[in-house]
Amino acid sequence: RRLDSASSRPPEERVFKRQNQIFRKMIRISGFEAVITIFAPTIPKLALDINAYLPKPKCFLEMRLLAEEQCSLLGRPLLEHGTGEPREVGLDYIIKNLEISAPSQGGDLRLS
């Protein structure tokens, strides 16, 4: 048992313990198979944390999408859309606009 607060779990497994998960799915982005997980953190309000885990080459990327950026994509923040189909359409639109750069060159997750 570890006494310090550091986690011995690899980053790709830490997402399982995080709160407020609103989406998780394996999809192909920029030619890479990636497990995309989206969280709604409490601070800052209406932001989204987007995690991408690439099983090959075992790369973990993350970005924060602020409410202002969501407004430019969707007209308003995702969490202000109603649950069900309106929110699903917004999630799909965000995911379709994600882009992953080559992990061998440092890797990056961003909106295209």
Foldseek 3Di string as FASTA:
>chain_A
DDDDPDDPDDPVPVVVPDPAWDDWDFDAAQNFTWIWIWGQDVPPHLKIKIWTAGVVVGDIEIDIGDQVNLCVQPVGRLVVFDPDPSSVVSVVSQVVQWHWDDVVVVIYIDGD
